[in-house]
Every structure is written in C-alpha cells, then in structure tokens.
Amino acid sequence: MRLASNLFWAYAALFLIHVASAQKNEEHQDLKNDLMNEDIFSFKNLLIGRTDFSDFSMSMPTEPPTPAPTPAPTCDVKVEIECTDIDGKDCKKIVAPDPQCASDDINTISFTYLGTKCEDSATAQDFKCDDFESGPSERALVKCFDDSGNTIFSEVVSEGDIISVLNSDSGSLSKKLTCDVNDVSQGTRRQSVEIDTFDLALKDIYGSLQLESCDEKQCIIPATFTYTIENIGETTMEITVLKRTWKYTQLING
C-alpha cells in the first residue's frame, strides 16, 4: 500500500514539472511575439505621416566590393611594308601599261586559266565561244591551234595556271587562235574559243582564258614585300603567325 502511494506522488510531481515547463515555454513564446509586434509597431510609427526621408536611414549589411579585373596585356607594334619590283623600283611608281596589244606581229601571248563559262567573258572583241555539256571545270586539258590547225599548245592546267602560246615556227602568231578546253579524264570537249590575235587587250576574258601578256607587254609584274615589325610597347611579344588581307581590284577592258 505504501509503495503504491509513493508511485502516485512521484507521477504527480512529474506531471507538475511538465505543466510548469509548458507554461514557461508559452510565456517565452508570448514574450517573443510581444517584442516582434512592438518592433513592427515602432517601425510603422516611424513611417506614418513622413514625406521626407532624407534623414531616415537603416543599417544594412554590405558585401565587400568586387575587385576590379586585371587588364589583359596589350601589344603595341609598328609595322612598315615595303613593295618593290624585280628592278628594286617602288611599287607605287610602277606605271600600268597600255592594255591594247599590237595589231599584228605578236609572237607570244599568255593567259590565266579561269575555268569560267562563255557567259563570263569580258571583252569588246567580237569573238566566238561555245560551251559543251556543263562547261569547263577547275582542271582541264587545254589545246590551242593556229590557222592551219597545227597544235601550238597542249597541257593539263588548273585554275590560276598560266598558259603561254607561241607560234610553232617561232614567227608571228596567226590572226586566228582556237583553243579547246577538254575534260581531263574523258577527253571530251567542254569549251571552244576562237580569238582574233590582231585585236587583243590585256585582262580581257575569253571564256576560260584571261589575257595577261602579249610579247613584252604584260600586267603581271613580280613584286617583293618586306615587312618590318617593331615592338614599341612595354609587353614582351613573340610573333607566331603573320597574315595579310589583300584588297584586289581586277581591271577588265571592253
């Protein structure tokens, strides 16, 4: 009986402690709520009726400023370009030749192979040109003949190659020059042009052929470019690649 009484009073004591702890937690939470409501009320009182906030300030935490990026090193260079022909003459002093070739007595003429069709011709001469199948290709077998049908040129060429045509007997070229552009693999004719050699002008285009020279008169002049590069900055540099963009203007007569 005494043991049961003791257990009763022990449970009663634990219950009272639990109740007291719960009341204390509630009082603590009520206190936090009261303080928060008081802060909100005070902040509202600061704002009510104010139109000038010049003297109003709040302390807010600020982040440290981001350091400025380190500027990338730059190179300052001075570039000088010198252009001379094979005789050492400044390229600016080279005078362009009269494009019109002699009316007769021409021994040698040269063309650049372009691989273009008859419709791309550019000349004042009334010449004959015919395309066959799909027309010329980038690589072709070019054959040229004189008035008598003698072959005076026969080579496989690619775009940009120079074709030099001269009479077989070392004399003057005949008035009529016929050139056939053939497929390399099959040998079929892709273009045929018939040119009057007594009416030629430099840079004129006859089908796939652009005239570059007639005897000593020519538009192609070998030139040498010399580049002088000086580092005038404070950063050490090493030149690994040098590129130049060409501004090219093609002059066509006719």
C-alpha atoms as a PDB file:
ATOM      1  CA  MET A   1       0.000   0.000   0.000  1.00  0.00           C
ATOM      2  CA  ARG A   2       2.827   2.367   0.886  1.00  0.00           C
ATOM      3  CA  LEU A   3       4.605   1.551  -2.428  1.00  0.00           C
ATOM      4  CA  ALA A   4       1.501   2.470  -4.416  1.00  0.00           C
ATOM      5  CA  SER A   5       1.223   5.774  -2.528  1.00  0.00           C
ATOM      6  CA  ASN A   6       4.819   6.640  -3.291  1.00  0.00           C
ATOM      7  CA  LEU A   7       4.385   5.935  -7.008  1.00  0.00           C
ATOM      8  CA  PHE A   8       1.309   8.148  -7.054  1.00  0.00           C
ATOM      9  CA  TRP A   9       3.160  11.118  -5.600  1.00  0.00           C
ATOM     10  CA  ALA A  10       6.116  10.576  -7.990  1.00  0.00           C
ATOM     11  CA  TYR A  11       3.869  10.676 -11.061  1.00  0.00           C
ATOM     12  CA  ALA A  12       2.115  13.729  -9.626  1.00  0.00           C
ATOM     13  CA  ALA A  13       5.450  15.540  -9.247  1.00  0.00           C
ATOM     14  CA  LEU A  14       6.492  14.721 -12.841  1.00  0.00           C
ATOM     15  CA  PHE A  15       3.143  15.998 -14.111  1.00  0.00           C
ATOM     16  CA  LEU A  16       3.517  19.295 -12.247  1.00  0.00           C
ATOM     17  CA  ILE A  17       7.051  19.757 -13.643  1.00  0.00           C
ATOM     18  CA  HIS A  18       5.802  19.126 -17.210  1.00  0.00           C
ATOM     19  CA  VAL A  19       2.947  21.590 -16.749  1.00  0.00           C
ATOM     20  CA  ALA A  20       5.305  24.190 -15.356  1.00  0.00           C
ATOM     21  CA  SER A  21       7.739  23.704 -18.318  1.00  0.00           C
ATOM     22  CA  ALA A  22       4.931  24.018 -20.838  1.00  0.00           C
ATOM     23  CA  GLN A  23       3.698  27.223 -19.166  1.00  0.00           C
ATOM     24  CA  LYS A  24       7.236  28.612 -19.218  1.00  0.00           C
ATOM     25  CA  ASN A  25       7.606  27.845 -22.963  1.00  0.00           C
ATOM     26  CA  GLU A  26       4.269  29.516 -23.676  1.00  0.00           C
ATOM     27  CA  GLU A  27       5.290  32.563 -21.679  1.00  0.00           C
ATOM     28  CA  HIS A  28       8.607  32.716 -23.588  1.00  0.00           C
ATOM     29  CA  GLN A  29       6.838  32.489 -26.971  1.00  0.00           C
ATOM     30  CA  ASP A  30       4.320  35.144 -25.904  1.00  0.00           C
ATOM     31  CA  LEU A  31       7.227  37.381 -24.934  1.00  0.00           C
ATOM     32  CA  LYS A  32       8.888  36.906 -28.355  1.00  0.00           C
ATOM     33  CA  ASN A  33       5.601  37.716 -30.111  1.00  0.00           C
ATOM     34  CA  ASP A  34       5.122  40.796 -27.963  1.00  0.00           C
ATOM     35  CA  LEU A  35       8.617  42.034 -28.769  1.00  0.00           C
ATOM     36  CA  MET A  36       8.142  41.413 -32.516  1.00  0.00           C
ATOM     37  CA  ASN A  37       4.777  43.192 -32.517  1.00  0.00           C
ATOM     38  CA  GLU A  38       6.339  46.049 -30.616  1.00  0.00           C
ATOM     39  CA  ASP A  39       9.151  46.361 -33.227  1.00  0.00           C
ATOM     40  CA  ILE A  40       6.643  46.330 -36.103  1.00  0.00           C
ATOM     41  CA  PHE A  41       4.508  48.911 -34.310  1.00  0.00           C
ATOM     42  CA  SER A  42       7.543  51.124 -33.705  1.00  0.00           C
ATOM     43  CA  PHE A  43       8.626  50.854 -37.382  1.00  0.00           C
ATOM     44  CA  LYS A  44       5.121  51.767 -38.544  1.00  0.00           C
ATOM     45  CA  ASN A  45       5.162  54.778 -36.262  1.00  0.00           C
ATOM     46  CA  LEU A  46       8.406  55.889 -37.897  1.00  0.00           C
ATOM     47  CA  LEU A  47       6.816  55.834 -41.363  1.00  0.00           C
ATOM     48  CA  ILE A  48       3.335  57.229 -40.622  1.00  0.00           C
ATOM     49  CA  GLY A  49       2.991  60.814 -41.777  1.00  0.00           C
ATOM     50  CA  ARG A  50       6.515  61.113 -43.229  1.00  0.00           C
ATOM     51  CA  THR A  51       7.058  62.600 -46.690  1.00  0.00           C
ATOM     52  CA  ASP A  52      10.721  63.492 -46.330  1.00  0.00           C
ATOM     53  CA  PHE A  53      13.001  60.500 -45.835  1.00  0.00           C
ATOM     54  CA  SER A  54      16.289  62.400 -46.227  1.00  0.00           C
ATOM     55  CA  ASP A  55      17.124  61.893 -42.550  1.00  0.00           C
ATOM     56  CA  PHE A  56      15.851  58.324 -42.438  1.00  0.00           C
ATOM     57  CA  SER A  57      18.437  55.604 -42.533  1.00  0.00           C
ATOM     58  CA  MET A  58      18.652  51.948 -41.796  1.00  0.00           C
ATOM     59  CA  SER A  59      21.736  49.885 -41.171  1.00  0.00           C
ATOM     60  CA  MET A  60      22.019  47.073 -43.685  1.00  0.00           C
ATOM     61  CA  PRO A  61      24.937  44.670 -44.005  1.00  0.00           C
ATOM     62  CA  THR A  62      27.042  45.372 -47.092  1.00  0.00           C
ATOM     63  CA  GLU A  63      29.078  42.942 -49.103  1.00  0.00           C
ATOM     64  CA  PRO A  64      32.746  43.714 -49.719  1.00  0.00           C
ATOM     65  CA  PRO A  65      33.357  45.301 -53.172  1.00  0.00           C
ATOM     66  CA  THR A  66      34.360  43.008 -56.012  1.00  0.00           C
ATOM     67  CA  PRO A  67      37.969  43.643 -57.003  1.00  0.00           C
ATOM     68  CA  ALA A  68      38.435  45.088 -60.498  1.00  0.00           C
ATOM     69  CA  PRO A  69      39.645  42.544 -63.094  1.00  0.00           C
ATOM     70  CA  THR A  70      43.279  42.686 -64.024  1.00  0.00           C
ATOM     71  CA  PRO A  71      43.542  44.287 -67.506  1.00  0.00           C
ATOM     72  CA  ALA A  72      44.789  41.953 -70.221  1.00  0.00           C
ATOM     73  CA  PRO A  73      48.242  42.776 -71.567  1.00  0.00           C
ATOM     74  CA  THR A  74      48.285  44.541 -74.933  1.00  0.00           C
ATOM     75  CA  CYS A  75      50.906  44.709 -77.642  1.00  0.00           C
ATOM     76  CA  ASP A  76      51.810  47.946 -79.389  1.00  0.00           C
ATOM     77  CA  VAL A  77      53.649  47.396 -82.647  1.00  0.00           C
ATOM     78  CA  LYS A  78      54.849  49.495 -85.535  1.00  0.00           C
ATOM     79  CA  VAL A  79      54.610  47.866 -88.964  1.00  0.00           C
ATOM     80  CA  GLU A  80      56.306  49.093 -92.129  1.00  0.00           C
ATOM     81  CA  ILE A  81      55.652  47.463 -95.520  1.00  0.00           C
ATOM     82  CA  GLU A  82      57.947  47.947 -98.495  1.00  0.00           C
ATOM     83  CA  CYS A  83      56.971  46.805-102.006  1.00  0.00           C
ATOM     84  CA  THR A  84      59.422  46.712-104.920  1.00  0.00           C
ATOM     85  CA  ASP A  85      59.525  45.129-108.375  1.00  0.00           C
ATOM     86  CA  ILE A  86      62.340  42.919-109.686  1.00  0.00           C
ATOM     87  CA  ASP A  87      64.373  46.053-110.505  1.00  0.00           C
ATOM     88  CA  GLY A  88      64.002  47.491-106.975  1.00  0.00           C
ATOM     89  CA  LYS A  89      61.506  50.151-108.064  1.00  0.00           C
ATOM     90  CA  ASP A  90      58.856  51.211-105.560  1.00  0.00           C
ATOM     91  CA  CYS A  91      55.534  49.606-106.486  1.00  0.00           C
ATOM     92  CA  LYS A  92      53.795  52.987-106.222  1.00  0.00           C
ATOM     93  CA  LYS A  93      55.943  54.252-109.115  1.00  0.00           C
ATOM     94  CA  ILE A  94      55.051  51.378-111.487  1.00  0.00           C
ATOM     95  CA  VAL A  95      53.042  52.692-114.416  1.00  0.00           C
ATOM     96  CA  ALA A  96      50.318  50.425-115.787  1.00  0.00           C
ATOM     97  CA  PRO A  97      50.862  49.614-119.476  1.00  0.00           C
ATOM     98  CA  ASP A  98      48.510  50.499-122.295  1.00  0.00           C
ATOM     99  CA  PRO A  99      46.197  47.474-122.337  1.00  0.00           C
ATOM    100  CA  GLN A 100      45.893  47.372-126.114  1.00  0.00           C
ATOM    101  CA  CYS A 101      48.277  44.910-127.741  1.00  0.00           C
ATOM    102  CA  ALA A 102      49.885  45.430-131.143  1.00  0.00           C
ATOM    103  CA  SER A 103      47.541  44.936-134.072  1.00  0.00           C
ATOM    104  CA  ASP A 104      49.844  42.342-135.645  1.00  0.00           C
ATOM    105  CA  ASP A 105      53.296  40.762-135.427  1.00  0.00           C
ATOM    106  CA  ILE A 106      52.747  39.174-131.980  1.00  0.00           C
ATOM    107  CA  ASN A 107      54.978  36.202-131.239  1.00  0.00           C
ATOM    108  CA  THR A 108      53.817  35.104-127.781  1.00  0.00           C
ATOM    109  CA  ILE A 109      50.696  35.615-125.694  1.00  0.00           C
ATOM    110  CA  SER A 110      49.861  34.292-122.234  1.00  0.00           C
ATOM    111  CA  PHE A 111      46.561  33.593-120.488  1.00  0.00           C
ATOM    112  CA  THR A 112      45.440  32.725-116.981  1.00  0.00           C
ATOM    113  CA  TYR A 113      43.136  29.720-116.922  1.00  0.00           C
ATOM    114  CA  LEU A 114      39.945  30.660-115.026  1.00  0.00           C
ATOM    115  CA  GLY A 115      37.689  27.688-115.718  1.00  0.00           C
ATOM    116  CA  THR A 116      34.763  30.028-116.453  1.00  0.00           C
ATOM    117  CA  LYS A 117      31.971  29.710-118.995  1.00  0.00           C
ATOM    118  CA  CYS A 118      31.428  31.733-122.179  1.00  0.00           C
ATOM    119  CA  GLU A 119      28.810  33.862-120.438  1.00  0.00           C
ATOM    120  CA  ASP A 120      31.508  35.114-118.052  1.00  0.00           C
ATOM    121  CA  SER A 121      33.560  36.632-120.887  1.00  0.00           C
ATOM    122  CA  ALA A 122      34.503  40.314-120.674  1.00  0.00           C
ATOM    123  CA  THR A 123      35.901  41.864-123.847  1.00  0.00           C
ATOM    124  CA  ALA A 124      34.959  44.292-126.580  1.00  0.00           C
ATOM    125  CA  GLN A 125      36.151  41.835-129.224  1.00  0.00           C
ATOM    126  CA  ASP A 126      33.532  40.004-131.267  1.00  0.00           C
ATOM    127  CA  PHE A 127      34.935  36.523-130.733  1.00  0.00           C
ATOM    128  CA  LYS A 128      33.430  33.054-130.894  1.00  0.00           C
ATOM    129  CA  CYS A 129      32.849  30.945-127.781  1.00  0.00           C
ATOM    130  CA  ASP A 130      30.807  27.765-127.209  1.00  0.00           C
ATOM    131  CA  ASP A 131      30.254  25.707-124.054  1.00  0.00           C
ATOM    132  CA  PHE A 132      29.519  21.970-124.154  1.00  0.00           C
ATOM    133  CA  GLU A 133      27.814  19.829-121.508  1.00  0.00           C
ATOM    134  CA  SER A 134      28.385  21.505-118.093  1.00  0.00           C
ATOM    135  CA  GLY A 135      31.212  23.708-119.362  1.00  0.00           C
ATOM    136  CA  PRO A 136      34.846  23.910-118.136  1.00  0.00           C
ATOM    137  CA  SER A 137      35.979  22.551-114.777  1.00  0.00           C
ATOM    138  CA  GLU A 138      38.709  23.572-112.323  1.00  0.00           C
ATOM    139  CA  ARG A 139      41.186  21.259-114.051  1.00  0.00           C
ATOM    140  CA  ALA A 140      41.297  20.781-117.823  1.00  0.00           C
ATOM    141  CA  LEU A 141      43.343  19.778-120.837  1.00  0.00           C
ATOM    142  CA  VAL A 142      43.769  22.937-122.949  1.00  0.00           C
ATOM    143  CA  LYS A 143      44.757  22.663-126.617  1.00  0.00           C
ATOM    144  CA  CYS A 144      45.363  25.660-128.901  1.00  0.00           C
ATOM    145  CA  PHE A 145      45.674  25.653-132.726  1.00  0.00           C
ATOM    146  CA  ASP A 146      46.819  28.136-135.384  1.00  0.00           C
ATOM    147  CA  ASP A 147      45.066  28.998-138.645  1.00  0.00           C
ATOM    148  CA  SER A 148      46.368  25.816-140.265  1.00  0.00           C
ATOM    149  CA  GLY A 149      45.169  23.548-137.447  1.00  0.00           C
ATOM    150  CA  ASN A 150      48.649  22.958-136.039  1.00  0.00           C
ATOM    151  CA  THR A 151      48.736  22.315-132.287  1.00  0.00           C
ATOM    152  CA  ILE A 152      50.794  25.070-130.662  1.00  0.00           C
ATOM    153  CA  PHE A 153      49.816  24.374-127.034  1.00  0.00           C
ATOM    154  CA  SER A 154      48.629  21.251-125.189  1.00  0.00           C
ATOM    155  CA  GLU A 155      48.828  20.934-121.400  1.00  0.00           C
ATOM    156  CA  VAL A 156      46.749  19.970-118.378  1.00  0.00           C
ATOM    157  CA  VAL A 157      46.133  23.109-116.288  1.00  0.00           C
ATOM    158  CA  SER A 158      44.275  24.111-113.142  1.00  0.00           C
ATOM    159  CA  GLU A 159      42.577  27.358-112.155  1.00  0.00           C
ATOM    160  CA  GLY A 160      45.173  30.135-111.834  1.00  0.00           C
ATOM    161  CA  ASP A 161      47.790  28.463-114.048  1.00  0.00           C
ATOM    162  CA  ILE A 162      49.483  30.499-116.799  1.00  0.00           C
ATOM    163  CA  ILE A 163      49.193  29.334-120.421  1.00  0.00           C
ATOM    164  CA  SER A 164      51.881  30.612-122.817  1.00  0.00           C
ATOM    165  CA  VAL A 165      51.073  30.282-126.523  1.00  0.00           C
ATOM    166  CA  LEU A 166      53.637  30.907-129.270  1.00  0.00           C
ATOM    167  CA  ASN A 167      53.789  30.012-132.936  1.00  0.00           C
ATOM    168  CA  SER A 168      55.368  26.655-133.744  1.00  0.00           C
ATOM    169  CA  ASP A 169      57.781  28.123-136.319  1.00  0.00           C
ATOM    170  CA  SER A 170      58.960  30.904-133.937  1.00  0.00           C
ATOM    171  CA  GLY A 171      57.288  33.507-136.149  1.00  0.00           C
ATOM    172  CA  SER A 172      54.289  35.726-135.521  1.00  0.00           C
ATOM    173  CA  LEU A 173      51.048  34.181-134.326  1.00  0.00           C
ATOM    174  CA  SER A 174      48.351  33.690-136.931  1.00  0.00           C
ATOM    175  CA  LYS A 175      45.393  36.049-136.879  1.00  0.00           C
ATOM    176  CA  LYS A 176      43.031  33.367-135.611  1.00  0.00           C
ATOM    177  CA  LEU A 177      43.750  31.370-132.455  1.00  0.00           C
ATOM    178  CA  THR A 178      41.467  28.493-131.485  1.00  0.00           C
ATOM    179  CA  CYS A 179      41.655  26.929-128.027  1.00  0.00           C
ATOM    180  CA  ASP A 180      39.672  23.915-126.819  1.00  0.00           C
ATOM    181  CA  VAL A 181      39.091  23.173-123.131  1.00  0.00           C
ATOM    182  CA  ASN A 182      38.715  19.412-122.617  1.00  0.00           C
ATOM    183  CA  ASP A 183      37.773  17.138-119.736  1.00  0.00           C
ATOM    184  CA  VAL A 184      40.936  15.559-118.323  1.00  0.00           C
ATOM    185  CA  SER A 185      39.573  12.097-117.594  1.00  0.00           C
ATOM    186  CA  GLN A 186      37.298  11.560-120.604  1.00  0.00           C
ATOM    187  CA  GLY A 187      38.909  13.901-123.143  1.00  0.00           C
ATOM    188  CA  THR A 188      35.537  15.360-124.189  1.00  0.00           C
ATOM    189  CA  ARG A 189      35.411  18.987-125.257  1.00  0.00           C
ATOM    190  CA  ARG A 190      33.842  21.341-122.708  1.00  0.00           C
ATOM    191  CA  GLN A 191      34.548  24.707-124.361  1.00  0.00           C
ATOM    192  CA  SER A 192      35.895  26.122-127.614  1.00  0.00           C
ATOM    193  CA  VAL A 193      37.033  29.722-128.139  1.00  0.00           C
ATOM    194  CA  GLU A 194      38.209  31.453-131.314  1.00  0.00           C
ATOM    195  CA  ILE A 195      40.213  34.656-130.718  1.00  0.00           C
ATOM    196  CA  ASP A 196      41.419  37.373-133.078  1.00  0.00           C
ATOM    197  CA  THR A 197      45.079  37.906-132.116  1.00  0.00           C
ATOM    198  CA  PHE A 198      45.148  41.212-134.016  1.00  0.00           C
ATOM    199  CA  ASP A 199      42.605  42.717-131.565  1.00  0.00           C
ATOM    200  CA  LEU A 200      43.792  41.861-128.068  1.00  0.00           C
ATOM    201  CA  ALA A 201      43.641  43.853-124.829  1.00  0.00           C
ATOM    202  CA  LEU A 202      45.292  42.929-121.558  1.00  0.00           C
ATOM    203  CA  LYS A 203      42.993  41.489-118.841  1.00  0.00           C
ATOM    204  CA  ASP A 204      40.207  40.742-121.330  1.00  0.00           C
ATOM    205  CA  ILE A 205      38.443  37.431-120.656  1.00  0.00           C
ATOM    206  CA  TYR A 206      37.682  34.988-123.457  1.00  0.00           C
ATOM    207  CA  GLY A 207      35.644  32.158-121.950  1.00  0.00           C
ATOM    208  CA  SER A 208      38.068  30.362-119.611  1.00  0.00           C
ATOM    209  CA  LEU A 209      41.097  32.406-120.683  1.00  0.00           C
ATOM    210  CA  GLN A 210      42.134  35.827-119.405  1.00  0.00           C
ATOM    211  CA  LEU A 211      44.847  37.611-121.382  1.00  0.00           C
ATOM    212  CA  GLU A 212      47.862  38.514-119.243  1.00  0.00           C
ATOM    213  CA  SER A 213      50.560  39.456-121.773  1.00  0.00           C
ATOM    214  CA  CYS A 214      51.339  39.959-125.436  1.00  0.00           C
ATOM    215  CA  ASP A 215      55.078  39.759-126.107  1.00  0.00           C
ATOM    216  CA  GLU A 216      56.807  42.158-123.683  1.00  0.00           C
ATOM    217  CA  LYS A 217      53.624  43.968-122.715  1.00  0.00           C
ATOM    218  CA  GLN A 218      52.140  42.460-119.580  1.00  0.00           C
ATOM    219  CA  CYS A 219      50.122  43.182-116.478  1.00  0.00           C
ATOM    220  CA  ILE A 220      51.754  40.564-114.277  1.00  0.00           C
ATOM    221  CA  ILE A 221      54.780  42.102-112.544  1.00  0.00           C
ATOM    222  CA  PRO A 222      56.667  40.141-109.855  1.00  0.00           C
ATOM    223  CA  ALA A 223      56.821  42.095-106.616  1.00  0.00           C
ATOM    224  CA  THR A 224      58.608  41.619-103.303  1.00  0.00           C
ATOM    225  CA  PHE A 225      57.026  42.670 -99.998  1.00  0.00           C
ATOM    226  CA  THR A 226      59.250  43.337 -96.991  1.00  0.00           C
ATOM    227  CA  TYR A 227      57.639  43.588 -93.533  1.00  0.00           C
ATOM    228  CA  THR A 228      59.398  45.372 -90.670  1.00  0.00           C
ATOM    229  CA  ILE A 229      57.684  44.898 -87.291  1.00  0.00           C
ATOM    230  CA  GLU A 230      58.887  46.775 -84.197  1.00  0.00           C
ATOM    231  CA  ASN A 231      57.576  46.300 -80.665  1.00  0.00           C
ATOM    232  CA  ILE A 232      57.032  49.828 -79.300  1.00  0.00           C
ATOM    233  CA  GLY A 233      55.062  48.749 -76.209  1.00  0.00           C
ATOM    234  CA  GLU A 234      56.047  47.514 -72.769  1.00  0.00           C
ATOM    235  CA  THR A 235      54.784  43.940 -73.185  1.00  0.00           C
ATOM    236  CA  THR A 236      57.124  41.269 -74.468  1.00  0.00           C
ATOM    237  CA  MET A 237      55.702  39.572 -77.561  1.00  0.00           C
ATOM    238  CA  GLU A 238      56.528  36.705 -79.868  1.00  0.00           C
ATOM    239  CA  ILE A 239      55.264  36.669 -83.465  1.00  0.00           C
ATOM    240  CA  THR A 240      53.965  33.213 -84.362  1.00  0.00           C
ATOM    241  CA  VAL A 241      51.652  33.960 -87.312  1.00  0.00           C
ATOM    242  CA  LEU A 242      51.566  36.843 -89.803  1.00  0.00           C
ATOM    243  CA  LYS A 243      48.517  37.240 -92.053  1.00  0.00           C
ATOM    244  CA  ARG A 244      47.688  39.930 -94.573  1.00  0.00           C
ATOM    245  CA  THR A 245      44.346  40.651 -96.245  1.00  0.00           C
ATOM    246  CA  TRP A 246      44.652  41.671 -99.878  1.00  0.00           C
ATOM    247  CA  LYS A 247      42.429  44.283-101.451  1.00  0.00           C
ATOM    248  CA  TYR A 248      42.368  43.188-105.076  1.00  0.00           C
ATOM    249  CA  THR A 249      40.712  45.066-107.912  1.00  0.00           C
ATOM    250  CA  GLN A 250      40.524  43.379-111.302  1.00  0.00           C
ATOM    251  CA  LEU A 251      40.536  45.703-114.286  1.00  0.00           C
ATOM    252  CA  ILE A 252      38.709  44.434-117.341  1.00  0.00           C
ATOM    253  CA  ASN A 253      38.685  46.210-120.683  1.00  0.00           C
ATOM    254  CA  GLY A 254      35.755  46.411-123.026  1.00  0.00           C
END
